[in-house]
Structure formats: structure tokens, C-alpha cells
Amino acid sequence: MPVLAQSAFENPGVRGGTGSGLIPVEEEIDGGTIAIGSTAQVVVLFRNEGGSPVTTGAINLYPSSNTTATVTLNQCGQEPLAGGADCAIAVSVKGLQAGPWRVAMLMRHDGRSRLVSTVLSGSIESAGEGQDQLISDLEAVPNELDYGNLAASRAQLKSVTLRNITSTPITVEDVYLKSDSSAGLSLENECDILSAGQACIVTVKWSPLQKGPASGVVVIKHNGPTGITTVDIKGEFKPETSEEADVFPDAVPGKGLMVSSLSEIDFGDGIDTISAITTSLVNSGDAPLKIADISLSGSENGLEIETSGCAAETVLEPLDACPLTLSWGPVRVGNLLDDVKIRHTGARGVLVLPVRGSAAEAVSKDSQSIVLNASPGFSLESYVDALPEPDDRSAGSLEDGSEGKKDEEGDESSKKSQVPKINKIKTLDGYSITSLAGDRAIITSPRGSRVIFDGEPMVIAGVRWIPHIKYSGVEFSSGADKVLMLFDRSLSSFNTSASESSSSSGSSSSATE
């Protein structure tokens, strides 16, 4: 038997050993069949045929274009592999496109051959019959956005979840939308670098611009093996036939809702005097609203909006209400067709109430009374608490026929407590001027007529007035309050003379009624 001489220059790792060092247990490994998008784990075994331990180094994988491969377990690199021992390396293989696949593996080591290789192979099946789809390393869920048939014109939001299904980080370089400008599609995303298993969301909004189908594609560019991921978008806008809008809209969360106690303001038929109707405007929503403006659609029909109650800049809290009063003094015979418009900050922003009526006779405004001035803090709803003492010349002019006498047994305080509160200006309601001269006039009411003189005090319904004869009518003053009663000069001189004669002949009896 020959004797082998030992040299100090020999490799200690192979001294006394036999064989070529680290080798694969199988030169080619059948990885089997993989479905598109799924991942298979393939185990590769290596054996040290030498007599000395072998330390492994870097592992390089070279997959075919229709698959990706990564090392998920390296048992060979944990410690030096003793002679005759085996170790395992697990490779994760993912199918991207149908067809045969192949992965070549190279691994470095410090054994005699310095390099060992093996081949993994198999096939990839389609996800369905006749399909040849491509699955990216960046998985999109869902892989299609279908908005279906949309009847409402409101914007619709859907999201796509992008997930890195590989074991290495993937950088999302760009996300954009490919679609026609008339499709009404837009997107938002916050995707950047996705670690293994990490996900991000892309939001797609569809705001239909026109009737019919809409389509588009979300394109995601990344640095993964496939480099791109796509998501198809489709939908169709089929608007419903428009219906007549209700007077009061449906409630909207977080908004005020203006409703009225009357859906229509109807004065009725046969109107021949000034009439008024009041409706309540109520905020039935769950948020405050502000009235911006109240106006009428028409004009020159005698319809007016009273300034008291609901007005511009009025703020109504939830369940609060304010009164809206409309007065109508017909200016011509016939039907009234008008609307009152209330603009506000609540749902829909406007409330329209129809105003209807029929006039049998026009009301002349030439004989109306006009409030010229009122005492501080006075309004048509305010009242006075005292009855002034009438002058001697008007003491016998009370309308009820009784003389005004001073209570000699009581004082002013007792007399004040006995007099009910009255509306001063309203005491002139129903009066009109039937005759007007330089220093006198005849006024009439449903209770009769009376002659008044310029500057001579008179008492009407317990209120002391001082009349001042003017060209346009008679101005009544009571303290700081002034009311101008207009005279209709459209009357003929014949009618005026007849009216004055009739009034003068009955003035004595009228004065003592």
C-alpha cells in the first residue's frame, strides 16, 4: 500500500477526506404544479461527501420570468456541515404566469469544488379555463372595481388594497389613472415602500358626469419583478326619471330643515278689505339655520310681508319657530297668484310657499292710515296704561254717547288701575275721511260719523287725540305718537259736497252718540 506523504502546504479541510465535498442530493428537483398567484415551498437537500466540515456561503437564485423565488430557510448556513451530513434549504416559489417554470440555485462553500448548483422546475396552471392572467408581486384586492348600475348622481368611493406578498420590500413608484376625461374618475393614494406582508390603500372616486357606461384602469408601478399592477374599473350611470320636488325636503343629518305650518297661504275668495294670514316657520332639523332673505315673486298686487316676526338674519335653533305674516290689500279685482320665497342656510337652501286668493273689490290705499311716529319703545303690540282727561270741548264727543267726567272721589292711581290696556294706534282702525275742508273734516267708522276741528282734542276709544287738518288728510297726534289718515281726493266735487252736507246735518247727533 503506497504511503502518502503529507505536506504543510496541503488544505487542512480536505486532508484525509474522500469525495468532492458539498453536493446536491438531487441534481434536478421537481417542484410540481403551482396555481397562478399561489406560492409553493420547495426543499433542496445538500450532502457533505468529504471528510472535513464544510461552511456554506452566499446563495443565488435565478428564476424564470413567470415566477419569483426567495430563500425562506437556510439550514446549511447555521453551522459548518460535518462530513457525511445533510442540510436543507427551503425556497418559496410563486407562480405569476401560466406555463413551465424553472429556478437555478448556486451556493458557495469552502469545500473542494467551492460551488454547488441545483435546478428546481415545474409548471404553473391558469386560474381558470382559457385564462392567461398575470399576477404581480403587489397583490391588489379586489382586482376589479365594479360600481354596477348607478342611479343617483352622488359621488361613489371604492378602495383597492395593495399588499406586498413577497419576502422582500417593494417600492411603489407611481399610481395613476388611465381613463377618459368624461368618465368622472379620480384617485388618491398614500402608498410608498411596502415591507413583506405590508399593505396600503388606493381610493378611487367616481362622480358621474354623463349618462352611460364609464371605464378606466388604475396603474401601479413598482420595483418588484413584474414592475406593474393593474386594476380595472367599470360602472354605468342610469339616472332615474326626475320627479316633482316636495315642498318640504327630507331631513339631512347635520343640517337645519325649514318647514311651515302652512304648505299654501290661501286668502280665500271674495276679499274686499285688507286681510292678513300668519304661518309659523319651524326649524325641524338637528342644526341651527339662519334666514337669509324673505321676498315675494310678484309685485304690484297689494301683497306685503310684515316686518315683525320672521326676518333676514333671524337664527332658528332646532325646533325653534318664528311667525311670518302676509297682508293683502287687493289693488284689482281677480285672482292672486304669487309666492313667498324664504332663503336660508338649511337643507335645500330655499322654501317656496304659494300665495293664492281672489279679490271681489279693490282696496284703495288713498284712505289708509300711516304711522308717522311712535314713542320710544312703542310697537303696534305695545299698550298704554293711563286714560288722559278729555278737554271740555270734546267731553261730549265720546262714541258711546256718555260724557267724560272726572272722578272727583278717586285719585289718578285708582283711575289708572280701572282702565284696561289698549292699543293706541289701533283705535283708529276702521276710520276714514269722507269730507275735508280747511279747518275741519268728517271722519266715519262703522259706528257712525263725526266732525273734527283742527287742533281741538278728541277722544276715540279712550285715547286722547289732537287732529291737525292737512291738505293730504288729517294727522292725529297723541303725545309722541302720530298717525296720518289719508283723504281720497279721487272723489268728485259733487260727491264731496253731498257727503259734507249729509255729514254736517248729522254732526250734532253724531257728536252726542
Protein backbone atom coordinates (compact mmCIF):
# COMPACT_ATOMS: atom_id res chain seq x y z
CA MET A 1 0.00 0.00 0.00
CA PRO A 2 1.51 3.31 -1.00
CA VAL A 3 2.30 5.80 1.69
CA LEU A 4 1.12 9.33 1.10
CA ALA A 5 3.49 11.95 2.22
CA GLN A 6 1.99 14.90 4.00
CA SER A 7 2.89 18.45 3.14
CA ALA A 8 2.44 21.56 5.19
CA PHE A 9 1.06 23.28 2.11
CA GLU A 10 -2.00 21.00 1.77
CA ASN A 11 -5.57 22.21 2.55
CA PRO A 12 -6.43 21.01 6.03
CA GLY A 13 -10.12 20.96 5.11
CA VAL A 14 -9.61 18.06 2.68
CA ARG A 15 -6.77 16.20 4.38
CA GLY A 16 -7.64 12.63 4.90
CA GLY A 17 -11.07 13.08 3.14
CA THR A 18 -12.51 11.49 0.08
CA GLY A 19 -15.10 12.72 -2.44
CA SER A 20 -15.67 16.17 -3.93
CA GLY A 21 -17.14 17.97 -0.90
CA LEU A 22 -20.68 19.51 -0.87
CA ILE A 23 -23.09 18.11 -3.47
CA PRO A 24 -26.91 18.24 -4.02
CA VAL A 25 -28.80 15.14 -3.08
CA GLU A 26 -30.80 15.58 -6.34
CA GLU A 27 -29.40 17.31 -9.39
CA GLU A 28 -32.91 18.36 -10.54
CA ILE A 29 -35.88 18.77 -8.23
CA ASP A 30 -39.50 18.57 -9.38
CA GLY A 31 -41.38 21.43 -7.71
CA GLY A 32 -44.75 20.24 -9.03
CA THR A 33 -47.65 22.34 -10.23
CA ILE A 34 -48.34 25.84 -8.88
CA ALA A 35 -51.56 27.84 -9.44
CA ILE A 36 -51.23 31.40 -10.68
CA GLY A 37 -50.84 33.73 -7.71
CA SER A 38 -50.11 30.97 -5.21
CA THR A 39 -46.80 30.11 -3.56
CA ALA A 40 -45.12 26.72 -3.16
CA GLN A 41 -42.31 25.77 -0.79
CA VAL A 42 -39.61 23.54 -2.37
CA VAL A 43 -36.94 21.89 -0.14
CA VAL A 44 -33.44 21.30 -1.55
CA LEU A 45 -31.09 18.86 0.25
CA PHE A 46 -27.28 19.06 0.20
CA ARG A 47 -24.74 16.48 1.47
CA ASN A 48 -21.08 16.78 2.52
CA GLU A 49 -19.28 13.85 0.92
CA GLY A 50 -15.92 14.97 2.20
CA GLY A 51 -14.29 14.00 5.43
CA SER A 52 -13.92 17.56 6.75
CA PRO A 53 -16.63 20.04 7.77
CA VAL A 54 -17.84 22.47 5.06
CA THR A 55 -19.01 26.02 5.64
CA THR A 56 -21.56 27.39 3.17
CA GLY A 57 -21.70 30.96 1.83
CA ALA A 58 -23.96 33.07 -0.39
CA ILE A 59 -26.94 31.57 -2.20
CA ASN A 60 -28.07 32.97 -5.57
CA LEU A 61 -31.43 32.14 -7.23
CA TYR A 62 -32.14 32.60 -10.95
CA PRO A 63 -35.92 32.17 -11.56
CA SER A 64 -37.67 32.15 -14.94
CA SER A 65 -39.71 35.22 -15.96
CA ASN A 66 -43.05 33.70 -15.00
CA THR A 67 -42.15 33.12 -11.35
CA THR A 68 -40.42 34.63 -8.35
CA ALA A 69 -38.27 32.73 -5.86
CA THR A 70 -36.81 33.54 -2.46
CA VAL A 71 -34.92 31.55 0.19
CA THR A 72 -37.12 31.18 3.26
CA LEU A 73 -34.91 28.74 5.25
CA ASN A 74 -31.14 28.10 5.14
CA GLN A 75 -30.24 25.25 7.46
CA CYS A 76 -26.89 24.79 5.74
CA GLY A 77 -25.67 28.20 6.87
CA GLN A 78 -26.38 27.75 10.57
CA GLU A 79 -23.10 25.87 11.31
CA PRO A 80 -20.33 24.00 9.42
CA LEU A 81 -21.67 20.83 7.85
CA ALA A 82 -19.81 17.73 9.07
CA GLY A 83 -18.62 15.07 6.68
CA GLY A 84 -21.39 12.75 5.52
CA ALA A 85 -24.12 15.05 6.95
CA ASP A 86 -27.10 16.57 5.06
CA CYS A 87 -28.65 20.03 5.32
CA ALA A 88 -31.82 21.61 3.85
CA ILE A 89 -32.62 24.89 2.13
CA ALA A 90 -36.30 25.91 1.58
CA VAL A 91 -37.17 28.01 -1.48
CA SER A 92 -40.51 29.86 -1.84
CA VAL A 93 -41.70 29.83 -5.46
CA LYS A 94 -44.68 31.95 -6.62
CA GLY A 95 -46.38 31.48 -9.99
CA LEU A 96 -47.03 34.64 -11.98
CA GLN A 97 -47.99 33.36 -15.42
CA ALA A 98 -49.17 30.04 -16.79
CA GLY A 99 -46.53 27.70 -18.24
CA PRO A 100 -43.44 25.77 -17.15
CA TRP A 101 -41.20 27.37 -14.56
CA ARG A 102 -37.52 26.88 -13.64
CA VAL A 103 -35.28 28.16 -10.84
CA ALA A 104 -31.48 27.61 -10.84
CA MET A 105 -29.69 27.71 -7.46
CA LEU A 106 -25.98 28.40 -6.88
CA MET A 107 -24.38 28.20 -3.43
CA ARG A 108 -20.79 28.93 -2.45
CA HIS A 109 -18.85 26.88 0.16
CA ASP A 110 -15.26 26.26 1.29
CA GLY A 111 -15.14 22.62 0.12
CA ARG A 112 -13.05 21.26 -2.72
CA SER A 113 -15.43 22.31 -5.55
CA ARG A 114 -16.14 25.75 -4.00
CA LEU A 115 -19.54 25.93 -5.76
CA VAL A 116 -22.60 23.71 -5.86
CA SER A 117 -25.71 24.07 -8.04
CA THR A 118 -29.14 22.50 -8.50
CA VAL A 119 -32.27 23.15 -10.57
CA LEU A 120 -35.91 23.40 -9.45
CA SER A 121 -38.64 23.06 -12.08
CA GLY A 122 -42.37 22.54 -12.50
CA SER A 123 -45.44 24.09 -14.15
CA ILE A 124 -47.88 26.93 -13.43
CA GLU A 125 -51.62 26.45 -14.00
CA SER A 126 -54.10 29.13 -15.09
CA ALA A 127 -56.63 30.43 -12.56
CA GLY A 128 -59.50 29.45 -14.84
CA GLU A 129 -60.19 27.76 -18.13
CA GLY A 130 -58.99 29.84 -21.07
CA GLN A 131 -57.36 32.46 -18.84
CA ASP A 132 -53.74 33.54 -19.05
CA GLN A 133 -53.63 36.26 -16.42
CA LEU A 134 -50.55 37.83 -14.88
CA ILE A 135 -50.23 38.09 -11.10
CA SER A 136 -47.92 40.74 -9.71
CA ASP A 137 -45.83 40.61 -6.57
CA LEU A 138 -48.01 43.51 -5.40
CA GLU A 139 -51.40 41.92 -4.83
CA ALA A 140 -54.49 44.10 -5.46
CA VAL A 141 -57.70 43.28 -3.57
CA PRO A 142 -60.11 43.46 -5.28
CA ASN A 143 -58.52 43.08 -8.70
CA GLU A 144 -61.51 44.86 -10.30
CA LEU A 145 -63.67 47.79 -9.19
CA ASP A 146 -67.26 47.36 -10.36
CA TYR A 147 -69.59 50.23 -9.44
CA GLY A 148 -72.53 48.46 -11.06
CA ASN A 149 -75.54 50.42 -12.30
CA LEU A 150 -75.67 53.77 -10.52
CA ALA A 151 -78.97 55.69 -10.41
CA ALA A 152 -78.00 58.55 -8.07
CA SER A 153 -75.67 61.31 -9.20
CA ARG A 154 -73.73 61.39 -5.93
CA ALA A 155 -70.02 60.52 -5.92
CA GLN A 156 -69.17 56.90 -5.12
CA LEU A 157 -65.98 55.78 -3.32
CA LYS A 158 -64.28 52.40 -3.52
CA SER A 159 -60.86 51.30 -2.30
CA VAL A 160 -58.17 48.91 -3.51
CA THR A 161 -55.80 47.28 -1.01
CA LEU A 162 -52.25 46.76 -2.29
CA ARG A 163 -50.25 44.13 -0.36
CA ASN A 164 -46.67 43.01 -0.75
CA ILE A 165 -46.90 39.21 -0.92
CA THR A 166 -43.15 38.68 -1.32
CA SER A 167 -40.47 38.38 1.34
CA THR A 168 -38.58 41.49 0.18
CA PRO A 169 -39.59 45.20 0.34
CA ILE A 170 -41.29 46.71 -2.71
CA THR A 171 -41.29 50.42 -3.53
CA VAL A 172 -44.44 51.86 -5.13
CA GLU A 173 -43.06 54.35 -7.62
CA ASP A 174 -46.29 55.75 -9.08
CA VAL A 175 -50.05 55.25 -9.01
CA TYR A 176 -52.13 56.85 -11.76
CA LEU A 177 -55.44 56.54 -13.56
CA LYS A 178 -55.97 55.84 -17.22
CA SER A 179 -59.47 56.88 -18.31
CA ASP A 180 -61.38 59.29 -20.49
CA SER A 181 -61.82 62.80 -19.08
CA SER A 182 -65.61 62.44 -19.29
CA ALA A 183 -65.60 59.31 -17.10
CA GLY A 184 -65.52 61.35 -13.86
CA LEU A 185 -62.88 59.16 -12.18
CA SER A 186 -60.21 60.33 -9.72
CA LEU A 187 -57.95 58.65 -7.15
CA GLU A 188 -55.93 59.24 -4.00
CA ASN A 189 -53.16 57.09 -2.52
CA GLU A 190 -50.55 57.11 0.22
CA CYS A 191 -48.53 54.09 -0.92
CA ASP A 192 -44.73 54.25 -0.67
CA ILE A 193 -42.42 51.44 0.49
CA LEU A 194 -44.15 48.20 1.47
CA SER A 195 -42.31 45.69 3.59
CA ALA A 196 -43.03 41.97 3.33
CA GLY A 197 -46.73 41.46 4.03
CA GLN A 198 -47.41 45.21 4.42
CA ALA A 199 -50.40 46.84 2.68
CA CYS A 200 -51.66 50.27 1.63
CA ILE A 201 -54.93 51.65 0.22
CA VAL A 202 -55.74 53.40 -3.07
CA THR A 203 -59.10 55.23 -3.07
CA VAL A 204 -60.99 55.69 -6.34
CA LYS A 205 -63.89 58.18 -6.60
CA TRP A 206 -66.47 58.10 -9.38
CA SER A 207 -68.54 61.24 -9.92
CA PRO A 208 -70.75 60.54 -12.96
CA LEU A 209 -70.68 63.35 -15.50
CA GLN A 210 -72.93 61.89 -18.17
CA LYS A 211 -75.34 59.06 -18.74
CA GLY A 212 -73.94 55.72 -19.87
CA PRO A 213 -71.02 53.38 -19.08
CA ALA A 214 -67.68 54.54 -17.65
CA SER A 215 -64.39 52.62 -17.50
CA GLY A 216 -60.77 53.10 -16.53
CA VAL A 217 -57.63 51.38 -15.23
CA VAL A 218 -55.64 52.02 -12.06
CA VAL A 219 -51.94 51.53 -12.87
CA ILE A 220 -49.43 50.86 -10.05
CA LYS A 221 -45.75 50.99 -11.00
CA HIS A 222 -43.29 49.40 -8.55
CA ASN A 223 -39.81 47.90 -8.40
CA GLY A 224 -40.99 44.30 -8.00
CA PRO A 225 -40.14 41.59 -10.55
CA THR A 226 -43.24 42.31 -12.66
CA GLY A 227 -42.89 46.09 -12.28
CA ILE A 228 -46.61 46.82 -12.65
CA THR A 229 -50.04 46.01 -11.19
CA THR A 230 -53.37 46.99 -12.75
CA VAL A 231 -56.96 47.21 -11.51
CA ASP A 232 -59.85 47.56 -13.97
CA ILE A 233 -62.73 49.97 -13.25
CA LYS A 234 -66.21 49.83 -14.70
CA GLY A 235 -69.67 51.15 -14.00
CA GLU A 236 -72.75 52.58 -15.67
CA PHE A 237 -74.77 55.69 -14.80
CA LYS A 238 -78.51 55.23 -15.32
CA PRO A 239 -80.25 58.22 -13.70
CA GLU A 240 -83.85 57.85 -12.66
CA THR A 241 -86.59 59.99 -14.15
CA SER A 242 -86.86 63.27 -12.23
CA GLU A 243 -89.90 63.69 -10.00
CA GLU A 244 -91.65 66.81 -8.81
CA ALA A 245 -89.94 68.22 -5.72
CA ASP A 246 -91.84 68.20 -2.44
CA VAL A 247 -92.48 71.50 -0.67
CA PHE A 248 -90.54 70.29 2.35
CA PRO A 249 -87.37 68.21 1.68
CA ASP A 250 -86.20 65.21 3.69
CA ALA A 251 -84.12 65.81 6.79
CA VAL A 252 -80.34 65.81 6.30
CA PRO A 253 -78.04 64.93 9.24
CA GLY A 254 -76.15 67.96 10.48
CA LYS A 255 -78.34 70.47 8.63
CA GLY A 256 -81.30 72.63 9.58
CA LEU A 257 -84.66 71.93 7.91
CA MET A 258 -87.13 74.76 7.27
CA VAL A 259 -90.81 73.77 7.29
CA SER A 260 -94.01 75.80 7.54
CA SER A 261 -97.26 75.24 9.41
CA LEU A 262 -99.00 76.04 6.09
CA SER A 263 -97.97 74.48 2.80
CA GLU A 264 -100.01 77.15 0.98
CA ILE A 265 -101.19 80.60 2.04
CA ASP A 266 -104.76 80.95 0.77
CA PHE A 267 -106.71 84.17 1.46
CA GLY A 268 -109.88 82.63 0.00
CA ASP A 269 -112.46 84.21 -2.31
CA GLY A 270 -114.39 87.46 -2.23
CA ILE A 271 -111.70 89.56 -0.50
CA ASP A 272 -112.63 93.28 -0.47
CA THR A 273 -110.65 94.54 2.55
CA ILE A 274 -107.09 94.29 3.78
CA SER A 275 -106.53 90.74 5.09
CA ALA A 276 -103.62 89.06 6.85
CA ILE A 277 -102.53 85.45 7.38
CA THR A 278 -99.72 84.23 9.66
CA THR A 279 -97.79 80.97 9.27
CA SER A 280 -95.10 79.56 11.54
CA LEU A 281 -91.66 78.81 10.08
CA VAL A 282 -90.11 75.97 12.09
CA ASN A 283 -86.57 74.52 12.07
CA SER A 284 -87.24 70.77 12.31
CA GLY A 285 -83.60 69.81 11.59
CA ASP A 286 -80.86 68.94 14.07
CA ALA A 287 -78.66 72.02 13.47
CA PRO A 288 -79.27 75.80 13.60
CA LEU A 289 -80.22 77.66 10.43
CA LYS A 290 -80.26 81.33 9.50
CA ILE A 291 -82.85 83.08 7.36
CA ALA A 292 -81.00 84.97 4.64
CA ASP A 293 -83.90 86.69 2.88
CA ILE A 294 -87.71 86.72 2.59
CA SER A 295 -89.22 88.09 -0.63
CA LEU A 296 -92.20 87.86 -2.98
CA SER A 297 -92.09 86.64 -6.55
CA GLY A 298 -94.57 89.19 -7.87
CA SER A 299 -95.21 92.89 -7.31
CA GLU A 300 -97.98 95.49 -7.57
CA ASN A 301 -100.64 93.11 -6.36
CA GLY A 302 -101.12 94.58 -2.88
CA LEU A 303 -99.33 91.72 -1.12
CA GLU A 304 -96.89 92.71 1.64
CA ILE A 305 -94.64 90.91 4.15
CA GLU A 306 -94.93 92.27 7.69
CA THR A 307 -91.62 93.31 9.21
CA SER A 308 -92.42 91.85 12.62
CA GLY A 309 -91.68 88.16 13.19
CA CYS A 310 -89.51 86.26 10.71
CA ALA A 311 -86.92 88.47 9.02
CA ALA A 312 -83.49 88.33 7.42
CA GLU A 313 -80.61 87.31 9.74
CA THR A 314 -83.01 85.50 12.09
CA VAL A 315 -81.33 82.37 13.51
CA LEU A 316 -83.57 79.44 14.41
CA GLU A 317 -82.21 76.76 16.70
CA PRO A 318 -83.52 73.19 16.27
CA LEU A 319 -87.30 73.12 16.95
CA ASP A 320 -87.44 76.95 17.17
CA ALA A 321 -90.06 78.88 15.17
CA CYS A 322 -90.92 82.41 14.12
CA PRO A 323 -94.17 83.92 12.71
CA LEU A 324 -94.40 85.04 9.09
CA THR A 325 -97.32 87.40 8.40
CA LEU A 326 -98.55 88.36 4.93
CA SER A 327 -101.15 91.08 4.41
CA TRP A 328 -103.12 91.57 1.23
CA GLY A 329 -104.95 94.72 0.19
CA PRO A 330 -106.23 93.89 -3.32
CA VAL A 331 -105.36 96.53 -5.92
CA ARG A 332 -107.57 94.97 -8.61
CA VAL A 333 -110.42 92.51 -8.92
CA GLY A 334 -109.41 88.97 -9.78
CA ASN A 335 -107.17 86.13 -8.66
CA LEU A 336 -103.93 86.44 -6.69
CA LEU A 337 -101.09 84.24 -7.96
CA ASP A 338 -97.84 84.82 -6.09
CA ASP A 339 -95.21 83.02 -4.00
CA VAL A 340 -93.19 83.91 -0.94
CA LYS A 341 -89.52 82.82 -1.08
CA ILE A 342 -87.53 82.14 2.09
CA ARG A 343 -83.79 81.66 1.52
CA HIS A 344 -81.94 80.04 4.41
CA THR A 345 -78.82 78.03 5.33
CA GLY A 346 -80.63 74.74 5.94
CA ALA A 347 -81.30 71.77 3.67
CA ARG A 348 -82.10 72.74 0.06
CA GLY A 349 -81.49 76.41 0.94
CA VAL A 350 -84.89 77.78 -0.12
CA LEU A 351 -88.54 77.31 0.84
CA VAL A 352 -91.27 78.48 -1.56
CA LEU A 353 -94.86 78.85 -0.33
CA PRO A 354 -97.64 79.55 -2.86
CA VAL A 355 -99.90 82.53 -2.08
CA ARG A 356 -103.41 82.39 -3.53
CA GLY A 357 -106.66 84.35 -3.23
CA SER A 358 -109.43 86.07 -5.14
CA ALA A 359 -110.46 89.71 -4.77
CA ALA A 360 -114.06 90.84 -5.22
CA GLU A 361 -113.16 94.51 -4.92
CA ALA A 362 -110.03 96.62 -4.99
CA VAL A 363 -108.97 98.35 -1.77
CA SER A 364 -107.95 102.00 -2.16
CA LYS A 365 -104.81 102.91 -0.27
CA ASP A 366 -105.59 106.62 -0.60
CA SER A 367 -107.69 106.45 2.57
CA GLN A 368 -105.37 104.35 4.70
CA SER A 369 -103.75 105.48 7.94
CA ILE A 370 -99.97 105.79 8.11
CA VAL A 371 -97.98 105.67 11.37
CA LEU A 372 -95.67 108.69 11.19
CA ASN A 373 -94.03 108.46 14.59
CA ALA A 374 -94.18 106.39 17.75
CA SER A 375 -92.93 106.96 21.26
CA PRO A 376 -89.64 105.23 22.25
CA GLY A 377 -90.10 101.52 22.54
CA PHE A 378 -93.59 101.68 21.01
CA SER A 379 -94.80 99.00 18.67
CA LEU A 380 -98.21 98.07 17.37
CA GLU A 381 -98.36 95.43 20.09
CA SER A 382 -97.48 97.79 22.96
CA TYR A 383 -100.10 99.36 25.18
CA VAL A 384 -100.60 102.43 27.39
CA ASP A 385 -101.81 102.26 30.95
CA ALA A 386 -103.45 105.62 31.51
CA LEU A 387 -106.62 107.36 30.32
CA PRO A 388 -105.99 111.13 29.81
CA GLU A 389 -108.56 113.65 30.90
CA PRO A 390 -110.52 115.00 27.88
CA ASP A 391 -110.97 118.75 27.26
CA ASP A 392 -114.31 120.44 27.76
CA ARG A 393 -114.91 120.80 24.02
CA SER A 394 -114.52 117.05 23.45
CA ALA A 395 -116.04 115.87 26.67
CA GLY A 396 -119.34 115.16 24.96
CA SER A 397 -117.81 113.54 21.90
CA LEU A 398 -117.30 110.03 23.14
CA GLU A 399 -118.53 107.47 20.64
CA ASP A 400 -120.56 105.55 23.19
CA GLY A 401 -122.71 108.65 23.86
CA SER A 402 -121.63 109.09 27.51
CA GLU A 403 -119.93 112.19 28.82
CA GLY A 404 -116.39 112.00 30.07
CA LYS A 405 -116.44 113.14 33.73
CA LYS A 406 -113.58 113.38 36.14
CA ASP A 407 -113.74 111.04 39.05
CA GLU A 408 -113.84 113.52 41.90
CA GLU A 409 -113.81 110.86 44.60
CA GLY A 410 -110.82 108.86 43.34
CA ASP A 411 -107.27 109.87 42.60
CA GLU A 412 -105.19 109.31 39.48
CA SER A 413 -103.79 105.97 40.69
CA SER A 414 -107.24 104.43 41.23
CA LYS A 415 -108.42 105.72 37.83
CA LYS A 416 -105.33 104.22 36.20
CA SER A 417 -105.92 100.82 37.74
CA GLN A 418 -109.54 100.76 36.49
CA VAL A 419 -108.69 101.39 32.82
CA PRO A 420 -107.79 98.34 30.69
CA LYS A 421 -104.75 98.45 28.46
CA ILE A 422 -105.48 99.46 24.86
CA ASN A 423 -103.51 99.71 21.65
CA LYS A 424 -103.37 103.43 20.92
CA ILE A 425 -102.81 103.35 17.19
CA LYS A 426 -105.24 100.50 16.63
CA THR A 427 -108.07 102.72 17.96
CA LEU A 428 -108.08 104.49 14.58
CA ASP A 429 -108.67 101.29 12.65
CA GLY A 430 -111.87 101.40 10.57
CA TYR A 431 -111.96 105.21 10.37
CA SER A 432 -111.82 107.06 7.05
CA ILE A 433 -112.24 110.65 5.91
CA THR A 434 -115.40 111.38 3.94
CA SER A 435 -115.04 115.17 3.82
CA LEU A 436 -112.08 117.51 4.19
CA ALA A 437 -112.07 121.31 4.48
CA GLY A 438 -109.55 123.92 5.59
CA ASP A 439 -110.12 123.64 9.35
CA ARG A 440 -112.50 120.73 9.71
CA ALA A 441 -113.19 117.24 8.43
CA ILE A 442 -115.73 114.48 8.72
CA ILE A 443 -114.49 111.03 9.68
CA THR A 444 -116.64 107.94 9.60
CA SER A 445 -116.49 104.46 11.06
CA PRO A 446 -118.86 101.51 11.18
CA ARG A 447 -120.33 103.12 14.30
CA GLY A 448 -121.12 106.45 12.66
CA SER A 449 -119.67 109.80 11.56
CA ARG A 450 -118.34 112.78 13.44
CA VAL A 451 -117.00 116.26 12.73
CA ILE A 452 -113.49 117.09 13.88
CA PHE A 453 -111.82 120.51 14.06
CA ASP A 454 -108.21 121.45 13.54
CA GLY A 455 -106.30 121.49 16.87
CA GLU A 456 -109.31 120.56 19.01
CA PRO A 457 -108.66 117.41 21.14
CA MET A 458 -110.96 114.45 20.78
CA VAL A 459 -111.26 111.04 22.41
CA ILE A 460 -111.55 107.82 20.42
CA ALA A 461 -111.90 104.56 22.34
CA GLY A 462 -110.42 106.15 25.45
CA VAL A 463 -107.38 107.68 23.72
CA ARG A 464 -106.98 111.44 23.52
CA TRP A 465 -106.04 112.57 20.01
CA ILE A 466 -105.37 116.05 18.64
CA PRO A 467 -106.29 116.34 14.93
CA HIS A 468 -104.34 118.58 12.54
CA ILE A 469 -106.01 119.27 9.21
CA LYS A 470 -103.63 118.99 6.27
CA TYR A 471 -104.02 119.02 2.50
CA SER A 472 -103.48 115.24 2.20
CA GLY A 473 -105.68 114.32 5.16
CA VAL A 474 -105.80 114.54 8.94
CA GLU A 475 -102.78 113.98 11.17
CA PHE A 476 -103.68 112.63 14.62
CA SER A 477 -101.18 113.08 17.45
CA SER A 478 -101.18 111.68 20.96
CA GLY A 479 -98.01 112.54 22.81
CA ALA A 480 -95.11 111.32 20.65
CA ASP A 481 -97.36 109.11 18.51
CA LYS A 482 -98.52 110.42 15.15
CA VAL A 483 -100.85 108.85 12.58
CA LEU A 484 -101.73 110.37 9.20
CA MET A 485 -105.19 109.42 7.89
CA LEU A 486 -105.19 110.00 4.13
CA PHE A 487 -108.09 111.50 2.18
CA ASP A 488 -109.08 110.03 -1.18
CA ARG A 489 -109.21 113.05 -3.49
CA SER A 490 -110.36 110.94 -6.39
CA LEU A 491 -113.92 111.67 -5.21
CA SER A 492 -115.84 114.12 -7.44
CA SER A 493 -116.78 117.56 -6.17
CA PHE A 494 -120.43 116.59 -6.40
CA ASN A 495 -119.98 113.55 -4.22
CA THR A 496 -117.79 115.51 -1.85
CA SER A 497 -120.37 118.26 -1.45
CA ALA A 498 -123.14 115.75 -0.95
CA SER A 499 -121.08 113.91 1.62
CA GLU A 500 -120.28 117.13 3.50
CA SER A 501 -123.94 118.21 3.55
CA SER A 502 -125.05 114.81 4.79
CA SER A 503 -122.32 114.71 7.41
CA SER A 504 -122.94 118.31 8.59
CA SER A 505 -126.65 117.74 9.08
CA GLY A 506 -125.94 114.74 11.25
CA SER A 507 -122.89 116.10 13.06
CA SER A 508 -124.83 117.22 16.13
CA SER A 509 -126.36 113.84 16.69
CA SER A 510 -123.07 112.11 15.91
CA ALA A 511 -121.24 114.25 18.43
CA THR A 512 -123.57 113.19 21.21
CA GLU A 513 -123.71 109.46 20.37
